[in-house]
C-alpha cells in the first residue's frame, strides 16, 4: 500500500507543479487553489508512504515521479522540447526509480 501512496504523492506533485506553471502565466485564483490542494495531497500521501518506506527511498521516488511527470506534461501541453537527450534522461530517471523499487526491502 505504501507504494500506491507514493505514486499518488508523485501525481499530486505533478498537479502542483503544473498549477504553478499556469499560475505564473495567468494569475487566476483557481490555479492557486489547485496548486495548494495538489501539494497538500502530495505531502499527505508522501507522509503515509514514509510510515512504511524509508525516507531516502520515498523522497527519491517521489521526486522522480514529479520530475518525469512534470517534464512529460511540459512536453505534451506546454510546447517544451522533445529532444532525444531529454527523453534519454527521463528514461534514466525511470530506470533508477524501478531499480530502487526492485532493491528495496
Protein backbone atom coordinates (compact mmCIF):
# COMPACT_ATOMS: atom_id res chain seq x y z
CA UNK A 1 0.00 0.00 0.00
CA UNK A 2 2.93 2.33 0.70
CA UNK A 3 4.00 2.23 -2.94
CA UNK A 4 0.47 3.15 -4.01
CA UNK A 5 0.59 6.10 -1.61
CA UNK A 6 3.95 7.12 -3.06
CA UNK A 7 2.58 7.06 -6.61
CA UNK A 8 -0.38 9.20 -5.52
CA UNK A 9 2.03 11.60 -3.81
CA UNK A 10 4.02 11.92 -7.03
CA UNK A 11 0.87 12.59 -9.02
CA UNK A 12 -0.09 15.29 -6.53
CA UNK A 13 3.31 16.88 -7.01
CA UNK A 14 2.81 16.94 -10.78
CA UNK A 15 -0.58 18.62 -10.32
CA UNK A 16 1.00 21.21 -8.01
CA UNK A 17 3.86 21.94 -10.39
CA UNK A 18 1.60 22.22 -13.44
CA UNK A 19 -0.66 24.57 -11.49
CA UNK A 20 2.37 26.63 -10.51
CA UNK A 21 3.25 26.99 -14.19
CA UNK A 22 -0.32 28.02 -15.07
CA UNK A 23 -0.44 30.47 -12.14
CA UNK A 24 2.79 32.14 -13.25
CA UNK A 25 1.25 32.78 -16.67
CA UNK A 26 -2.40 33.55 -15.92
CA UNK A 27 -2.62 34.78 -12.28
CA UNK A 28 -6.02 33.17 -11.65
CA UNK A 29 -7.12 32.15 -8.17
CA UNK A 30 -8.24 28.73 -9.38
CA UNK A 31 -4.62 27.84 -10.20
CA UNK A 32 -3.50 28.94 -6.75
CA UNK A 33 -6.18 26.76 -5.15
CA UNK A 34 -5.24 23.76 -7.31
CA UNK A 35 -1.56 24.35 -6.50
CA UNK A 36 -2.17 24.37 -2.75
CA UNK A 37 -4.51 21.36 -2.88
CA UNK A 38 -2.09 19.46 -5.12
CA UNK A 39 0.78 19.93 -2.69
CA UNK A 40 -1.37 19.15 0.36
CA UNK A 41 -2.48 15.95 -1.38
CA UNK A 42 1.13 15.18 -2.33
CA UNK A 43 2.64 15.73 1.10
CA UNK A 44 -0.19 13.84 2.81
CA UNK A 45 0.38 10.73 0.74
CA UNK A 46 4.16 11.09 0.97
CA UNK A 47 3.79 11.07 4.75
CA UNK A 48 1.67 7.92 4.58
CA UNK A 49 4.25 6.22 2.36
CA UNK A 50 7.05 7.15 4.77
CA UNK A 51 5.28 5.27 7.56
CA UNK A 52 6.46 2.09 5.83
CA UNK A 53 9.19 3.05 3.35
CA UNK A 54 12.50 4.71 4.20
CA UNK A 55 12.83 8.46 3.90
CA UNK A 56 15.59 8.29 1.27
CA UNK A 57 13.72 5.83 -0.91
CA UNK A 58 10.41 7.69 -0.58
CA UNK A 59 11.96 11.06 -1.39
CA UNK A 60 13.93 9.73 -4.37
CA UNK A 61 10.89 8.04 -5.91
CA UNK A 62 8.59 10.99 -5.14
CA UNK A 63 10.93 13.49 -6.78
CA UNK A 64 11.48 11.10 -9.69
CA UNK A 65 7.76 10.85 -10.35
CA UNK A 66 7.43 14.62 -10.05
CA UNK A 67 10.38 15.28 -12.33
CA UNK A 68 9.34 12.84 -15.04
CA UNK A 69 5.66 13.76 -14.76
CA UNK A 70 6.31 17.49 -14.88
CA UNK A 71 8.66 17.13 -17.83
CA UNK A 72 6.24 14.96 -19.80
CA UNK A 73 3.32 17.33 -19.13
CA UNK A 74 5.54 20.23 -20.23
CA UNK A 75 6.41 18.46 -23.46
CA UNK A 76 2.83 17.40 -24.22
CA UNK A 77 0.91 20.52 -23.21
CA UNK A 78 3.31 23.47 -22.97
CA UNK A 79 5.43 23.06 -26.08
CA UNK A 80 8.65 22.16 -24.30
CA UNK A 81 11.42 20.44 -26.25
CA UNK A 82 11.05 16.74 -27.07
CA UNK A 83 14.75 16.37 -27.87
CA UNK A 84 16.05 12.81 -27.77
CA UNK A 85 18.51 13.74 -24.99
CA UNK A 86 15.65 14.83 -22.72
CA UNK A 87 13.85 11.57 -23.45
CA UNK A 88 17.03 9.61 -22.72
CA UNK A 89 17.44 11.25 -19.31
CA UNK A 90 13.75 10.73 -18.49
CA UNK A 91 14.31 7.07 -19.26
CA UNK A 92 17.32 7.04 -16.95
CA UNK A 93 15.26 8.52 -14.12
CA UNK A 94 12.55 5.90 -14.68
CA UNK A 95 15.19 3.17 -14.76
CA UNK A 96 16.62 4.41 -11.45
CA UNK A 97 13.19 4.53 -9.78
CA UNK A 98 12.43 0.99 -10.95
CA UNK A 99 15.85 -0.10 -9.64
CA UNK A 100 15.09 1.46 -6.26
CA UNK A 101 11.78 -0.40 -6.15
CA UNK A 102 13.41 -3.72 -7.05
CA UNK A 103 16.18 -3.36 -4.47
CA UNK A 104 14.03 -2.10 -1.59
CA UNK A 105 13.01 -4.50 1.13
